[in-house]
Structure formats: structure tokens, C-alpha cells
Amino acid sequence: MTGDKSDIIKYRLDKAKDTYESAVILADNKKWHSAINRLYYSAYYAIIALLLQNDINPTTHNGVKSNFSENFIITNIFPKRFGKLYSQLFTWRQKGDYDDLFDFDANKVLPYFEPVKELIDLIESEINKKSE
């Protein structure tokens, strides 16, 4: 994709929202493994947008997690619960993608929808605030 930084940030936020909507569709169809994966990626894309706006360019998923924590959680820009949320999603995604005989169910997945939506909205608000 070509474009200036603000175009890429907008693209990542739009991708976060679209991926979140995919998670909803998957959950509606009881595809829990895929739903948790999409929830993780929706948060990931939003956090990437936030980091990019702040000229932070991690190259790994672990880098995204640690940069988000160091720059936005530890500094109290975002509540600590969002750092814990993202860390748990990171763990669930890893388990779902790489562990054998591990299955998700409604009880594990459904509680993540509202907090992920809240995180995306909070990140979008922070980005818009800095863009003004």
C-alpha cells in the first residue's frame, strides 16, 4: 500500500473494525477458534495504527505487545486492563494457532468482544485527538 502516514493509520483502523466484524460473524456461527483469532487481529491492527501514529514501528507481534505496554499502558495513557486484555488475546491466539487439542468455546471467547470493541474505540479516539 502506498500513501502517507495518515492514510496507513486510517487503513489500519478500518482493518481493525472490519476484522472485528468478521469475529462477530464467526461467533454467531460458533466458530470460536476463528473468532478469537479475529479478535486478536482486530486489536493488533488498531494498536499498530496507534504505534505508527507515534512513529513506533515494531517488526514482530511481540514487539507490538511490548511497545504498546511500554508507551501506553505503563505511562497510564490507557488503563492497565487493556494491556492485560491484549496480552491474553496474544496468548489465546498463540494457543489457538500452535497448540494441539486446545479448543475455544463460547465461555472463553464471548467475554472478549466488548473489551476489544472498547479498545478499538479508545485507540481511534486517541488517534483523532492527536490528529486535530
C-alpha atoms as a PDB file:
ATOM      1  CA  MET A   1       0.000   0.000   0.000  1.00  0.00           C
ATOM      2  CA  THR A   2       1.246   3.436  -0.820  1.00  0.00           C
ATOM      3  CA  GLY A   3       0.153   6.603   0.877  1.00  0.00           C
ATOM      4  CA  ASP A   4       1.225   8.932   3.594  1.00  0.00           C
ATOM      5  CA  LYS A   5       1.285   8.020   7.260  1.00  0.00           C
ATOM      6  CA  SER A   6      -2.265   9.238   7.914  1.00  0.00           C
ATOM      7  CA  ASP A   7      -3.582   7.058   5.054  1.00  0.00           C
ATOM      8  CA  ILE A   8      -1.887   3.985   6.508  1.00  0.00           C
ATOM      9  CA  ILE A   9      -3.182   4.779  10.011  1.00  0.00           C
ATOM     10  CA  LYS A  10      -6.725   5.114   8.645  1.00  0.00           C
ATOM     11  CA  TYR A  11      -6.306   1.874   6.690  1.00  0.00           C
ATOM     12  CA  ARG A  12      -5.193   0.017   9.833  1.00  0.00           C
ATOM     13  CA  LEU A  13      -8.109   1.379  11.874  1.00  0.00           C
ATOM     14  CA  ASP A  14     -10.563   0.411   9.138  1.00  0.00           C
ATOM     15  CA  LYS A  15      -8.979  -3.046   9.014  1.00  0.00           C
ATOM     16  CA  ALA A  16      -9.345  -3.340  12.802  1.00  0.00           C
ATOM     17  CA  LYS A  17     -13.075  -2.583  12.568  1.00  0.00           C
ATOM     18  CA  ASP A  18     -13.603  -4.904   9.602  1.00  0.00           C
ATOM     19  CA  THR A  19     -11.747  -7.721  11.345  1.00  0.00           C
ATOM     20  CA  TYR A  20     -13.843  -7.160  14.475  1.00  0.00           C
ATOM     21  CA  GLU A  21     -16.997  -7.513  12.356  1.00  0.00           C
ATOM     22  CA  SER A  22     -15.600 -10.791  10.992  1.00  0.00           C
ATOM     23  CA  ALA A  23     -15.139 -12.001  14.581  1.00  0.00           C
ATOM     24  CA  VAL A  24     -18.809 -11.246  15.281  1.00  0.00           C
ATOM     25  CA  ILE A  25     -19.919 -13.244  12.227  1.00  0.00           C
ATOM     26  CA  LEU A  26     -17.693 -16.161  13.221  1.00  0.00           C
ATOM     27  CA  ALA A  27     -19.013 -16.145  16.790  1.00  0.00           C
ATOM     28  CA  ASP A  28     -22.586 -16.010  15.533  1.00  0.00           C
ATOM     29  CA  ASN A  29     -21.749 -19.234  13.704  1.00  0.00           C
ATOM     30  CA  LYS A  30     -19.997 -20.771  16.733  1.00  0.00           C
ATOM     31  CA  LYS A  31     -16.587 -20.735  15.045  1.00  0.00           C
ATOM     32  CA  TRP A  32     -14.822 -19.944  18.326  1.00  0.00           C
ATOM     33  CA  HIS A  33     -11.244 -20.652  17.252  1.00  0.00           C
ATOM     34  CA  SER A  34     -11.505 -18.332  14.264  1.00  0.00           C
ATOM     35  CA  ALA A  35     -13.413 -15.727  16.280  1.00  0.00           C
ATOM     36  CA  ILE A  36     -10.654 -15.398  18.909  1.00  0.00           C
ATOM     37  CA  ASN A  37      -8.074 -15.159  16.139  1.00  0.00           C
ATOM     38  CA  ARG A  38     -10.011 -12.317  14.515  1.00  0.00           C
ATOM     39  CA  LEU A  39     -10.472 -10.575  17.879  1.00  0.00           C
ATOM     40  CA  TYR A  40      -6.723 -10.681  18.418  1.00  0.00           C
ATOM     41  CA  TYR A  41      -6.038  -9.299  14.952  1.00  0.00           C
ATOM     42  CA  SER A  42      -8.651  -6.550  15.288  1.00  0.00           C
ATOM     43  CA  ALA A  43      -6.867  -5.328  18.433  1.00  0.00           C
ATOM     44  CA  TYR A  44      -3.476  -5.831  16.757  1.00  0.00           C
ATOM     45  CA  TYR A  45      -4.393  -3.661  13.734  1.00  0.00           C
ATOM     46  CA  ALA A  46      -5.727  -0.892  15.978  1.00  0.00           C
ATOM     47  CA  ILE A  47      -2.595  -0.948  18.138  1.00  0.00           C
ATOM     48  CA  ILE A  48      -0.400  -0.908  15.021  1.00  0.00           C
ATOM     49  CA  ALA A  49      -2.236   2.263  13.920  1.00  0.00           C
ATOM     50  CA  LEU A  50      -1.627   3.840  17.320  1.00  0.00           C
ATOM     51  CA  LEU A  51       2.051   2.913  17.339  1.00  0.00           C
ATOM     52  CA  LEU A  52       2.504   4.156  13.778  1.00  0.00           C
ATOM     53  CA  GLN A  53       0.972   7.494  14.670  1.00  0.00           C
ATOM     54  CA  ASN A  54       3.598   7.765  17.378  1.00  0.00           C
ATOM     55  CA  ASP A  55       6.432   6.795  14.999  1.00  0.00           C
ATOM     56  CA  ILE A  56       6.896   3.394  16.627  1.00  0.00           C
ATOM     57  CA  ASN A  57       7.395   0.611  14.084  1.00  0.00           C
ATOM     58  CA  PRO A  58       7.726  -2.827  15.702  1.00  0.00           C
ATOM     59  CA  THR A  59       8.545  -5.723  13.390  1.00  0.00           C
ATOM     60  CA  THR A  60       7.061  -8.599  15.409  1.00  0.00           C
ATOM     61  CA  HIS A  61       3.869  -9.391  17.290  1.00  0.00           C
ATOM     62  CA  ASN A  62       5.901  -9.471  20.499  1.00  0.00           C
ATOM     63  CA  GLY A  63       7.266  -6.056  19.596  1.00  0.00           C
ATOM     64  CA  VAL A  64       3.743  -4.698  19.184  1.00  0.00           C
ATOM     65  CA  LYS A  65       2.792  -6.077  22.598  1.00  0.00           C
ATOM     66  CA  SER A  66       5.852  -4.682  24.388  1.00  0.00           C
ATOM     67  CA  ASN A  67       5.715  -1.280  22.648  1.00  0.00           C
ATOM     68  CA  PHE A  68       2.021  -0.922  23.454  1.00  0.00           C
ATOM     69  CA  SER A  69       2.718  -1.753  27.084  1.00  0.00           C
ATOM     70  CA  GLU A  70       5.788   0.485  27.418  1.00  0.00           C
ATOM     71  CA  ASN A  71       4.322   3.513  25.655  1.00  0.00           C
ATOM     72  CA  PHE A  72       0.624   3.402  26.518  1.00  0.00           C
ATOM     73  CA  ILE A  73      -0.073   1.111  29.483  1.00  0.00           C
ATOM     74  CA  ILE A  74       2.850   1.771  31.844  1.00  0.00           C
ATOM     75  CA  THR A  75       2.507   5.508  31.118  1.00  0.00           C
ATOM     76  CA  ASN A  76      -1.220   5.338  32.054  1.00  0.00           C
ATOM     77  CA  ILE A  77      -2.391   6.699  28.700  1.00  0.00           C
ATOM     78  CA  PHE A  78      -4.629   3.618  28.588  1.00  0.00           C
ATOM     79  CA  PRO A  79      -5.930   1.698  31.612  1.00  0.00           C
ATOM     80  CA  LYS A  80      -3.900  -1.358  32.625  1.00  0.00           C
ATOM     81  CA  ARG A  81      -6.825  -3.639  31.849  1.00  0.00           C
ATOM     82  CA  PHE A  82      -6.201  -3.048  28.132  1.00  0.00           C
ATOM     83  CA  GLY A  83      -2.628  -4.215  28.467  1.00  0.00           C
ATOM     84  CA  LYS A  84      -3.886  -7.360  30.194  1.00  0.00           C
ATOM     85  CA  LEU A  85      -6.567  -7.788  27.530  1.00  0.00           C
ATOM     86  CA  TYR A  86      -4.073  -7.591  24.689  1.00  0.00           C
ATOM     87  CA  SER A  87      -1.642  -9.932  26.440  1.00  0.00           C
ATOM     88  CA  GLN A  88      -4.404 -12.500  26.952  1.00  0.00           C
ATOM     89  CA  LEU A  89      -5.535 -12.231  23.333  1.00  0.00           C
ATOM     90  CA  PHE A  90      -1.908 -12.680  22.279  1.00  0.00           C
ATOM     91  CA  THR A  91      -1.716 -15.860  24.390  1.00  0.00           C
ATOM     92  CA  TRP A  92      -5.065 -17.184  23.117  1.00  0.00           C
ATOM     93  CA  ARG A  93      -4.041 -16.577  19.518  1.00  0.00           C
ATOM     94  CA  GLN A  94      -0.771 -18.444  20.080  1.00  0.00           C
ATOM     95  CA  LYS A  95      -2.580 -21.354  21.747  1.00  0.00           C
ATOM     96  CA  GLY A  96      -5.219 -21.493  19.049  1.00  0.00           C
ATOM     97  CA  ASP A  97      -2.713 -21.395  16.225  1.00  0.00           C
ATOM     98  CA  TYR A  98       0.001 -23.644  17.593  1.00  0.00           C
ATOM     99  CA  ASP A  99      -1.247 -25.884  20.416  1.00  0.00           C
ATOM    100  CA  ASP A 100      -2.782 -29.262  19.655  1.00  0.00           C
ATOM    101  CA  LEU A 101      -6.003 -30.397  21.274  1.00  0.00           C
ATOM    102  CA  PHE A 102      -6.945 -26.942  22.503  1.00  0.00           C
ATOM    103  CA  ASP A 103     -10.419 -25.699  21.691  1.00  0.00           C
ATOM    104  CA  PHE A 104     -12.220 -22.469  22.381  1.00  0.00           C
ATOM    105  CA  ASP A 105     -15.855 -22.239  23.359  1.00  0.00           C
ATOM    106  CA  ALA A 106     -18.416 -19.512  23.938  1.00  0.00           C
ATOM    107  CA  ASN A 107     -17.404 -19.101  27.578  1.00  0.00           C
ATOM    108  CA  LYS A 108     -13.802 -18.364  26.630  1.00  0.00           C
ATOM    109  CA  VAL A 109     -14.477 -16.137  23.616  1.00  0.00           C
ATOM    110  CA  LEU A 110     -17.624 -14.085  24.211  1.00  0.00           C
ATOM    111  CA  PRO A 111     -16.240 -12.062  27.167  1.00  0.00           C
ATOM    112  CA  TYR A 112     -13.608 -10.543  24.858  1.00  0.00           C
ATOM    113  CA  PHE A 113     -15.948  -8.861  22.401  1.00  0.00           C
ATOM    114  CA  GLU A 114     -16.939  -5.802  24.420  1.00  0.00           C
ATOM    115  CA  PRO A 115     -13.434  -5.003  25.730  1.00  0.00           C
ATOM    116  CA  VAL A 116     -11.887  -5.363  22.250  1.00  0.00           C
ATOM    117  CA  LYS A 117     -14.519  -3.021  20.804  1.00  0.00           C
ATOM    118  CA  GLU A 118     -13.824  -0.594  23.640  1.00  0.00           C
ATOM    119  CA  LEU A 119     -10.072  -0.763  22.948  1.00  0.00           C
ATOM    120  CA  ILE A 120     -10.547  -0.062  19.237  1.00  0.00           C
ATOM    121  CA  ASP A 121     -12.813   2.897  20.029  1.00  0.00           C
ATOM    122  CA  LEU A 122     -10.350   4.232  22.609  1.00  0.00           C
ATOM    123  CA  ILE A 123      -7.452   3.968  20.174  1.00  0.00           C
ATOM    124  CA  GLU A 124      -9.458   5.688  17.454  1.00  0.00           C
ATOM    125  CA  SER A 125     -10.320   8.484  19.871  1.00  0.00           C
ATOM    126  CA  GLU A 126      -6.652   8.880  20.863  1.00  0.00           C
ATOM    127  CA  ILE A 127      -5.574   8.987  17.223  1.00  0.00           C
ATOM    128  CA  ASN A 128      -8.248  11.544  16.356  1.00  0.00           C
ATOM    129  CA  LYS A 129      -7.282  13.671  19.354  1.00  0.00           C
ATOM    130  CA  LYS A 130      -3.659  13.789  18.212  1.00  0.00           C
ATOM    131  CA  SER A 131      -4.658  14.464  14.593  1.00  0.00           C
ATOM    132  CA  GLU A 132      -6.540  17.640  15.454  1.00  0.00           C
END
